[in-house]
Amino acid sequence: MRIKAILTVLVLASAIQAQQANPQTTEQQHAAMMKRRDAGMGFSHEKTTHHFILLKDGGAIQVSANDPKDDTSRDHIRMHLSHIAKMFSEGNFDTPMFIHDTTPPGVPTMTKLHSEIHYRYQQPDSGAKITIATANPKALQAVHELSS
């Protein structure tokens, strides 16, 4: 256990040192992710607000158009999140893996336990929301990892 803790600290320190040594790489990675995000979601990250909310039984993904009159963004948000709710309920997390260019934290467990996680799609006035709920403690931890 102690060795695992020491290794974790060393890995984190290396990552921080690499990030500080080359901040442009981090900025470039973020810009590339934003470009993939817009392509994968079908709407602009600059015209919308995206929230991950932790809940005691899961979490929520909420996306809204910044301008209440922006029907185009709102409609694209709704189309995307309704599709995502269906994909996630089937254990398909390809979109977040495409956007982040890696497997996001929690996804392997959420894929494995997808039948124990429930997704509810809703349409608030300005966009859409997916509420994620589970009674399985391992699935709950995975949802919180994805949402962090």
N, C-alpha and C. Protein backbone atom coordinates (compact mmCIF):
# COMPACT_ATOMS: atom_id res chain seq x y z
N MET A 1 0.83 -1.19 0.00
CA MET A 1 0.00 0.00 0.00
C MET A 1 0.88 1.26 0.00
N ARG A 2 1.94 1.23 0.82
CA ARG A 2 2.82 2.39 0.91
C ARG A 2 3.55 2.63 -0.41
N ILE A 3 3.96 1.54 -1.05
CA ILE A 3 4.65 1.66 -2.34
C ILE A 3 3.71 2.28 -3.38
N LYS A 4 2.46 1.85 -3.37
CA LYS A 4 1.47 2.39 -4.30
C LYS A 4 1.31 3.90 -4.09
N ALA A 5 1.26 4.33 -2.85
CA ALA A 5 1.12 5.75 -2.53
C ALA A 5 2.34 6.53 -3.02
N ILE A 6 3.52 5.98 -2.81
CA ILE A 6 4.75 6.64 -3.24
C ILE A 6 4.78 6.74 -4.77
N LEU A 7 4.40 5.66 -5.46
CA LEU A 7 4.37 5.68 -6.92
C LEU A 7 3.37 6.71 -7.44
N THR A 8 2.23 6.80 -6.78
CA THR A 8 1.22 7.79 -7.18
C THR A 8 1.77 9.20 -7.06
N VAL A 9 2.44 9.49 -5.96
CA VAL A 9 3.04 10.82 -5.76
C VAL A 9 4.09 11.10 -6.83
N LEU A 10 4.91 10.12 -7.15
CA LEU A 10 5.94 10.31 -8.16
C LEU A 10 5.34 10.56 -9.54
N VAL A 11 4.30 9.82 -9.89
CA VAL A 11 3.64 10.02 -11.19
C VAL A 11 3.03 11.41 -11.26
N LEU A 12 2.34 11.82 -10.20
CA LEU A 12 1.73 13.15 -10.18
C LEU A 12 2.79 14.24 -10.27
N ALA A 13 3.88 14.08 -9.54
CA ALA A 13 4.95 15.07 -9.57
C ALA A 13 5.55 15.17 -10.97
N SER A 14 5.73 14.03 -11.64
CA SER A 14 6.27 14.03 -13.00
C SER A 14 5.34 14.75 -13.96
N ALA A 15 4.04 14.49 -13.81
CA ALA A 15 3.06 15.14 -14.68
C ALA A 15 3.06 16.65 -14.48
N ILE A 16 3.10 17.08 -13.23
CA ILE A 16 3.12 18.52 -12.94
C ILE A 16 4.39 19.16 -13.48
N GLN A 17 5.52 18.48 -13.28
CA GLN A 17 6.79 19.01 -13.76
C GLN A 17 6.78 19.12 -15.29
N ALA A 18 6.25 18.11 -15.98
CA ALA A 18 6.18 18.15 -17.44
C ALA A 18 5.27 19.27 -17.90
N GLN A 19 4.15 19.46 -17.20
CA GLN A 19 3.22 20.53 -17.57
C GLN A 19 3.87 21.90 -17.37
N GLN A 20 4.60 22.07 -16.28
CA GLN A 20 5.25 23.35 -16.02
C GLN A 20 6.40 23.58 -16.99
N ALA A 21 7.07 22.52 -17.41
CA ALA A 21 8.19 22.65 -18.32
C ALA A 21 7.73 23.06 -19.72
N ASN A 22 6.53 22.66 -20.10
CA ASN A 22 6.05 22.99 -21.43
C ASN A 22 4.57 23.38 -21.39
N PRO A 23 4.25 24.58 -20.90
CA PRO A 23 2.85 24.99 -20.80
C PRO A 23 2.18 25.12 -22.16
N GLN A 24 2.96 25.35 -23.23
CA GLN A 24 2.37 25.45 -24.56
C GLN A 24 1.72 24.13 -24.96
N THR A 25 2.35 23.01 -24.59
CA THR A 25 1.79 21.71 -24.91
C THR A 25 0.41 21.58 -24.29
N THR A 26 0.27 21.98 -23.04
CA THR A 26 -1.02 21.90 -22.37
C THR A 26 -2.04 22.79 -23.08
N GLU A 27 -1.65 23.98 -23.45
CA GLU A 27 -2.55 24.88 -24.17
C GLU A 27 -2.93 24.30 -25.53
N GLN A 28 -1.96 23.71 -26.22
CA GLN A 28 -2.23 23.09 -27.51
C GLN A 28 -3.16 21.89 -27.36
N GLN A 29 -2.94 21.10 -26.32
CA GLN A 29 -3.80 19.94 -26.07
C GLN A 29 -5.23 20.40 -25.78
N HIS A 30 -5.37 21.47 -25.00
CA HIS A 30 -6.70 21.98 -24.68
C HIS A 30 -7.39 22.50 -25.94
N ALA A 31 -6.66 23.23 -26.76
CA ALA A 31 -7.24 23.76 -28.00
C ALA A 31 -7.67 22.62 -28.92
N ALA A 32 -6.86 21.58 -29.00
CA ALA A 32 -7.21 20.42 -29.84
C ALA A 32 -8.46 19.72 -29.29
N MET A 33 -8.54 19.62 -27.95
CA MET A 33 -9.70 19.00 -27.34
C MET A 33 -10.96 19.82 -27.64
N MET A 34 -10.87 21.14 -27.56
CA MET A 34 -12.03 22.00 -27.84
C MET A 34 -12.48 21.83 -29.30
N LYS A 35 -11.53 21.68 -30.19
CA LYS A 35 -11.86 21.46 -31.61
C LYS A 35 -12.58 20.12 -31.77
N ARG A 36 -12.06 19.06 -31.12
CA ARG A 36 -12.71 17.74 -31.19
C ARG A 36 -14.08 17.79 -30.51
N ARG A 37 -14.18 18.57 -29.43
CA ARG A 37 -15.45 18.70 -28.71
C ARG A 37 -16.52 19.30 -29.62
N ASP A 38 -16.19 20.39 -30.30
CA ASP A 38 -17.15 21.02 -31.21
C ASP A 38 -17.56 20.04 -32.31
N ALA A 39 -16.58 19.30 -32.86
CA ALA A 39 -16.88 18.34 -33.93
C ALA A 39 -17.72 17.18 -33.40
N GLY A 40 -17.37 16.67 -32.24
CA GLY A 40 -18.07 15.52 -31.67
C GLY A 40 -19.46 15.84 -31.15
N MET A 41 -19.68 17.08 -30.73
CA MET A 41 -20.96 17.45 -30.15
C MET A 41 -21.88 18.15 -31.16
N GLY A 42 -21.28 18.77 -32.15
CA GLY A 42 -22.10 19.42 -33.16
C GLY A 42 -22.54 20.83 -32.80
N PHE A 43 -21.93 21.42 -31.78
CA PHE A 43 -22.22 22.82 -31.42
C PHE A 43 -20.98 23.44 -30.81
N SER A 44 -20.95 24.76 -30.82
CA SER A 44 -19.77 25.51 -30.38
C SER A 44 -19.68 25.57 -28.86
N HIS A 45 -18.48 25.30 -28.35
CA HIS A 45 -18.25 25.44 -26.91
C HIS A 45 -18.27 26.91 -26.50
N GLU A 46 -18.08 27.81 -27.45
CA GLU A 46 -18.09 29.24 -27.14
C GLU A 46 -19.51 29.80 -27.03
N LYS A 47 -20.48 29.13 -27.63
CA LYS A 47 -21.87 29.60 -27.61
C LYS A 47 -22.72 28.86 -26.58
N THR A 48 -22.08 27.95 -25.85
CA THR A 48 -22.83 27.12 -24.91
C THR A 48 -22.11 27.00 -23.58
N THR A 49 -22.84 26.55 -22.57
CA THR A 49 -22.26 26.30 -21.25
C THR A 49 -22.54 24.85 -20.91
N HIS A 50 -21.50 24.14 -20.48
CA HIS A 50 -21.53 22.71 -20.24
C HIS A 50 -21.20 22.47 -18.76
N HIS A 51 -22.10 21.81 -18.03
CA HIS A 51 -21.86 21.52 -16.62
C HIS A 51 -21.96 20.03 -16.34
N PHE A 52 -21.05 19.53 -15.51
CA PHE A 52 -21.16 18.20 -14.93
C PHE A 52 -21.48 18.42 -13.46
N ILE A 53 -22.58 17.85 -13.01
CA ILE A 53 -23.04 18.05 -11.64
C ILE A 53 -23.00 16.72 -10.91
N LEU A 54 -22.34 16.70 -9.75
CA LEU A 54 -22.31 15.48 -8.95
C LEU A 54 -23.56 15.41 -8.09
N LEU A 55 -24.19 14.24 -8.07
CA LEU A 55 -25.37 14.00 -7.24
C LEU A 55 -25.10 12.81 -6.35
N LYS A 56 -25.83 12.69 -5.25
CA LYS A 56 -25.56 11.60 -4.30
C LYS A 56 -25.79 10.23 -4.91
N ASP A 57 -26.63 10.14 -5.94
CA ASP A 57 -26.87 8.85 -6.59
C ASP A 57 -26.34 8.80 -8.01
N GLY A 58 -25.52 9.78 -8.39
CA GLY A 58 -24.95 9.79 -9.73
C GLY A 58 -24.46 11.16 -10.13
N GLY A 59 -25.05 11.70 -11.17
CA GLY A 59 -24.64 13.00 -11.65
C GLY A 59 -25.55 13.49 -12.74
N ALA A 60 -25.18 14.60 -13.33
CA ALA A 60 -25.96 15.16 -14.43
C ALA A 60 -25.02 15.88 -15.38
N ILE A 61 -25.37 15.80 -16.66
CA ILE A 61 -24.69 16.56 -17.70
C ILE A 61 -25.72 17.57 -18.18
N GLN A 62 -25.40 18.84 -18.07
CA GLN A 62 -26.35 19.87 -18.47
C GLN A 62 -25.65 20.83 -19.41
N VAL A 63 -26.27 21.04 -20.56
CA VAL A 63 -25.71 21.95 -21.56
C VAL A 63 -26.80 22.93 -21.97
N SER A 64 -26.43 24.21 -22.02
CA SER A 64 -27.41 25.22 -22.41
C SER A 64 -26.78 26.22 -23.36
N ALA A 65 -27.62 26.81 -24.19
CA ALA A 65 -27.17 27.87 -25.09
C ALA A 65 -26.98 29.13 -24.25
N ASN A 66 -25.90 29.84 -24.47
CA ASN A 66 -25.64 31.07 -23.72
C ASN A 66 -26.65 32.16 -24.04
N ASP A 67 -27.10 32.19 -25.29
CA ASP A 67 -28.08 33.19 -25.73
C ASP A 67 -29.45 32.50 -25.82
N PRO A 68 -30.42 32.95 -25.02
CA PRO A 68 -31.74 32.31 -25.04
C PRO A 68 -32.42 32.33 -26.41
N LYS A 69 -31.97 33.21 -27.30
CA LYS A 69 -32.56 33.30 -28.64
C LYS A 69 -31.82 32.42 -29.66
N ASP A 70 -30.76 31.73 -29.22
CA ASP A 70 -29.96 30.89 -30.11
C ASP A 70 -30.61 29.51 -30.24
N ASP A 71 -31.65 29.46 -31.06
CA ASP A 71 -32.38 28.20 -31.26
C ASP A 71 -31.52 27.13 -31.93
N THR A 72 -30.60 27.54 -32.78
CA THR A 72 -29.74 26.58 -33.48
C THR A 72 -28.87 25.81 -32.49
N SER A 73 -28.20 26.53 -31.59
CA SER A 73 -27.37 25.85 -30.58
C SER A 73 -28.24 24.98 -29.69
N ARG A 74 -29.38 25.51 -29.24
CA ARG A 74 -30.28 24.75 -28.37
C ARG A 74 -30.71 23.45 -29.04
N ASP A 75 -31.08 23.52 -30.31
CA ASP A 75 -31.53 22.33 -31.03
C ASP A 75 -30.40 21.32 -31.22
N HIS A 76 -29.19 21.82 -31.49
CA HIS A 76 -28.04 20.91 -31.62
C HIS A 76 -27.69 20.27 -30.28
N ILE A 77 -27.80 21.02 -29.21
CA ILE A 77 -27.57 20.47 -27.86
C ILE A 77 -28.55 19.34 -27.61
N ARG A 78 -29.80 19.56 -27.89
CA ARG A 78 -30.84 18.55 -27.65
C ARG A 78 -30.61 17.29 -28.49
N MET A 79 -30.26 17.49 -29.75
CA MET A 79 -30.00 16.34 -30.61
C MET A 79 -28.82 15.54 -30.07
N HIS A 80 -27.76 16.24 -29.70
CA HIS A 80 -26.55 15.57 -29.21
C HIS A 80 -26.82 14.84 -27.89
N LEU A 81 -27.41 15.52 -26.92
CA LEU A 81 -27.59 14.87 -25.62
C LEU A 81 -28.61 13.73 -25.66
N SER A 82 -29.62 13.81 -26.51
CA SER A 82 -30.54 12.68 -26.63
C SER A 82 -29.80 11.47 -27.20
N HIS A 83 -28.91 11.72 -28.16
CA HIS A 83 -28.09 10.66 -28.73
C HIS A 83 -27.11 10.09 -27.69
N ILE A 84 -26.49 10.98 -26.92
CA ILE A 84 -25.53 10.55 -25.89
C ILE A 84 -26.23 9.70 -24.82
N ALA A 85 -27.42 10.09 -24.39
CA ALA A 85 -28.15 9.31 -23.38
C ALA A 85 -28.39 7.89 -23.87
N LYS A 86 -28.75 7.75 -25.13
CA LYS A 86 -28.98 6.43 -25.72
C LYS A 86 -27.67 5.64 -25.79
N MET A 87 -26.61 6.28 -26.29
CA MET A 87 -25.31 5.62 -26.40
C MET A 87 -24.81 5.16 -25.03
N PHE A 88 -24.83 6.06 -24.03
CA PHE A 88 -24.34 5.72 -22.71
C PHE A 88 -25.13 4.56 -22.11
N SER A 89 -26.45 4.55 -22.30
CA SER A 89 -27.27 3.48 -21.73
C SER A 89 -26.93 2.13 -22.35
N GLU A 90 -26.36 2.15 -23.57
CA GLU A 90 -25.92 0.93 -24.23
C GLU A 90 -24.46 0.58 -23.91
N GLY A 91 -23.82 1.42 -23.07
CA GLY A 91 -22.41 1.18 -22.72
C GLY A 91 -21.44 1.71 -23.76
N ASN A 92 -21.89 2.59 -24.63
CA ASN A 92 -21.06 3.15 -25.69
C ASN A 92 -20.58 4.55 -25.28
N PHE A 93 -19.28 4.67 -25.03
CA PHE A 93 -18.69 5.94 -24.61
C PHE A 93 -17.68 6.44 -25.63
N ASP A 94 -17.92 6.14 -26.91
CA ASP A 94 -17.00 6.54 -27.97
C ASP A 94 -16.84 8.06 -28.06
N THR A 95 -17.93 8.81 -27.89
CA THR A 95 -17.85 10.27 -28.05
C THR A 95 -16.92 10.91 -27.03
N PRO A 96 -17.06 10.63 -25.71
CA PRO A 96 -16.10 11.26 -24.78
C PRO A 96 -14.66 10.80 -25.03
N MET A 97 -14.49 9.56 -25.50
CA MET A 97 -13.13 9.10 -25.79
C MET A 97 -12.56 9.85 -26.99
N PHE A 98 -13.40 10.14 -28.00
CA PHE A 98 -12.97 10.93 -29.15
C PHE A 98 -12.61 12.35 -28.72
N ILE A 99 -13.48 12.97 -27.93
CA ILE A 99 -13.28 14.35 -27.53
C ILE A 99 -12.01 14.52 -26.72
N HIS A 100 -11.78 13.63 -25.76
CA HIS A 100 -10.62 13.75 -24.87
C HIS A 100 -9.37 13.08 -25.44
N ASP A 101 -9.52 12.36 -26.55
CA ASP A 101 -8.41 11.66 -27.19
C ASP A 101 -7.77 10.63 -26.26
N THR A 102 -8.57 10.15 -25.32
CA THR A 102 -8.14 9.12 -24.38
C THR A 102 -9.40 8.57 -23.70
N THR A 103 -9.25 7.54 -22.92
CA THR A 103 -10.38 7.02 -22.16
C THR A 103 -10.52 7.84 -20.89
N PRO A 104 -11.63 8.58 -20.74
CA PRO A 104 -11.82 9.40 -19.54
C PRO A 104 -11.95 8.53 -18.29
N PRO A 105 -11.60 9.09 -17.12
CA PRO A 105 -11.74 8.34 -15.87
C PRO A 105 -13.19 7.89 -15.68
N GLY A 106 -13.35 6.68 -15.19
CA GLY A 106 -14.68 6.14 -14.90
C GLY A 106 -15.30 5.38 -16.06
N VAL A 107 -14.88 5.65 -17.28
CA VAL A 107 -15.52 5.03 -18.45
C VAL A 107 -15.39 3.50 -18.47
N PRO A 108 -14.24 2.91 -18.17
CA PRO A 108 -14.18 1.44 -18.19
C PRO A 108 -15.21 0.80 -17.24
N THR A 109 -15.35 1.35 -16.05
CA THR A 109 -16.32 0.81 -15.09
C THR A 109 -17.75 1.08 -15.54
N MET A 110 -18.00 2.28 -16.08
CA MET A 110 -19.34 2.60 -16.56
C MET A 110 -19.73 1.71 -17.74
N THR A 111 -18.77 1.36 -18.57
CA THR A 111 -19.03 0.46 -19.69
C THR A 111 -19.40 -0.92 -19.16
N LYS A 112 -18.60 -1.40 -18.23
CA LYS A 112 -18.83 -2.73 -17.65
C LYS A 112 -20.17 -2.80 -16.91
N LEU A 113 -20.52 -1.75 -16.19
CA LEU A 113 -21.74 -1.75 -15.36
C LEU A 113 -22.89 -0.96 -16.00
N HIS A 114 -22.87 -0.80 -17.32
CA HIS A 114 -23.86 0.08 -17.98
C HIS A 114 -25.31 -0.32 -17.69
N SER A 115 -25.56 -1.60 -17.46
CA SER A 115 -26.94 -2.02 -17.19
C SER A 115 -27.41 -1.61 -15.79
N GLU A 116 -26.48 -1.17 -14.94
CA GLU A 116 -26.84 -0.75 -13.58
C GLU A 116 -26.86 0.77 -13.43
N ILE A 117 -26.69 1.46 -14.54
CA ILE A 117 -26.70 2.92 -14.55
C ILE A 117 -27.87 3.37 -15.42
N HIS A 118 -28.64 4.32 -14.92
CA HIS A 118 -29.83 4.78 -15.64
C HIS A 118 -29.65 6.23 -16.07
N TYR A 119 -30.04 6.50 -17.30
CA TYR A 119 -29.88 7.82 -17.90
C TYR A 119 -31.27 8.37 -18.23
N ARG A 120 -31.55 9.58 -17.77
CA ARG A 120 -32.83 10.22 -18.06
C ARG A 120 -32.57 11.54 -18.80
N TYR A 121 -33.10 11.62 -19.99
CA TYR A 121 -32.94 12.80 -20.84
C TYR A 121 -34.07 13.78 -20.55
N GLN A 122 -33.71 15.07 -20.43
CA GLN A 122 -34.70 16.12 -20.19
C GLN A 122 -34.37 17.32 -21.08
N GLN A 123 -35.40 18.18 -21.32
CA GLN A 123 -35.21 19.36 -22.15
C GLN A 123 -35.61 20.63 -21.41
N PRO A 124 -34.72 21.20 -20.60
CA PRO A 124 -35.01 22.52 -20.04
C PRO A 124 -35.05 23.54 -21.20
N ASP A 125 -35.59 24.70 -20.94
CA ASP A 125 -35.80 25.71 -21.98
C ASP A 125 -34.56 26.02 -22.82
N SER A 126 -33.40 26.11 -22.20
CA SER A 126 -32.22 26.60 -22.91
C SER A 126 -31.33 25.50 -23.51
N GLY A 127 -31.69 24.22 -23.31
CA GLY A 127 -30.83 23.17 -23.84
C GLY A 127 -31.32 21.79 -23.49
N ALA A 128 -30.45 21.00 -22.86
CA ALA A 128 -30.80 19.63 -22.51
C ALA A 128 -30.00 19.18 -21.29
N LYS A 129 -30.48 18.10 -20.68
CA LYS A 129 -29.85 17.58 -19.47
C LYS A 129 -30.00 16.07 -19.46
N ILE A 130 -28.94 15.39 -19.05
CA ILE A 130 -28.99 13.95 -18.81
C ILE A 130 -28.74 13.74 -17.33
N THR A 131 -29.68 13.12 -16.65
CA THR A 131 -29.49 12.76 -15.25
C THR A 131 -29.04 11.30 -15.22
N ILE A 132 -27.97 11.05 -14.48
CA ILE A 132 -27.36 9.73 -14.40
C ILE A 132 -27.55 9.23 -12.97
N ALA A 133 -28.15 8.03 -12.81
CA ALA A 133 -28.40 7.50 -11.47
C ALA A 133 -28.04 6.02 -11.40
N THR A 134 -27.56 5.63 -10.22
CA THR A 134 -27.23 4.23 -9.98
C THR A 134 -27.29 3.94 -8.49
N ALA A 135 -27.58 2.70 -8.15
CA ALA A 135 -27.54 2.25 -6.76
C ALA A 135 -26.27 1.45 -6.49
N ASN A 136 -25.50 1.18 -7.53
CA ASN A 136 -24.28 0.39 -7.42
C ASN A 136 -23.12 1.31 -6.99
N PRO A 137 -22.48 1.03 -5.84
CA PRO A 137 -21.40 1.91 -5.37
C PRO A 137 -20.23 2.05 -6.34
N LYS A 138 -19.85 0.96 -7.03
CA LYS A 138 -18.74 1.05 -7.99
C LYS A 138 -19.13 1.91 -9.20
N ALA A 139 -20.37 1.76 -9.65
CA ALA A 139 -20.84 2.57 -10.77
C ALA A 139 -20.93 4.03 -10.35
N LEU A 140 -21.38 4.29 -9.12
CA LEU A 140 -21.47 5.66 -8.61
C LEU A 140 -20.09 6.32 -8.60
N GLN A 141 -19.10 5.60 -8.11
CA GLN A 141 -17.74 6.13 -8.09
C GLN A 141 -17.27 6.45 -9.51
N ALA A 142 -17.60 5.58 -10.46
CA ALA A 142 -17.19 5.79 -11.85
C ALA A 142 -17.88 7.03 -12.44
N VAL A 143 -19.17 7.21 -12.15
CA VAL A 143 -19.89 8.40 -12.63
C VAL A 143 -19.25 9.65 -12.07
N HIS A 144 -18.89 9.62 -10.79
CA HIS A 144 -18.25 10.79 -10.17
C HIS A 144 -16.87 11.04 -10.75
N GLU A 145 -16.15 9.96 -11.09
CA GLU A 145 -14.83 10.13 -11.74
C GLU A 145 -14.98 10.78 -13.10
N LEU A 146 -15.98 10.36 -13.87
CA LEU A 146 -16.21 10.94 -15.19
C LEU A 146 -16.60 12.40 -15.07
N SER A 147 -17.36 12.73 -14.07
CA SER A 147 -17.90 14.09 -13.90
C SER A 147 -16.90 15.06 -13.28
N SER A 148 -15.79 14.56 -12.76
CA SER A 148 -14.83 15.46 -12.09
C SER A 148 -13.93 16.13 -13.08
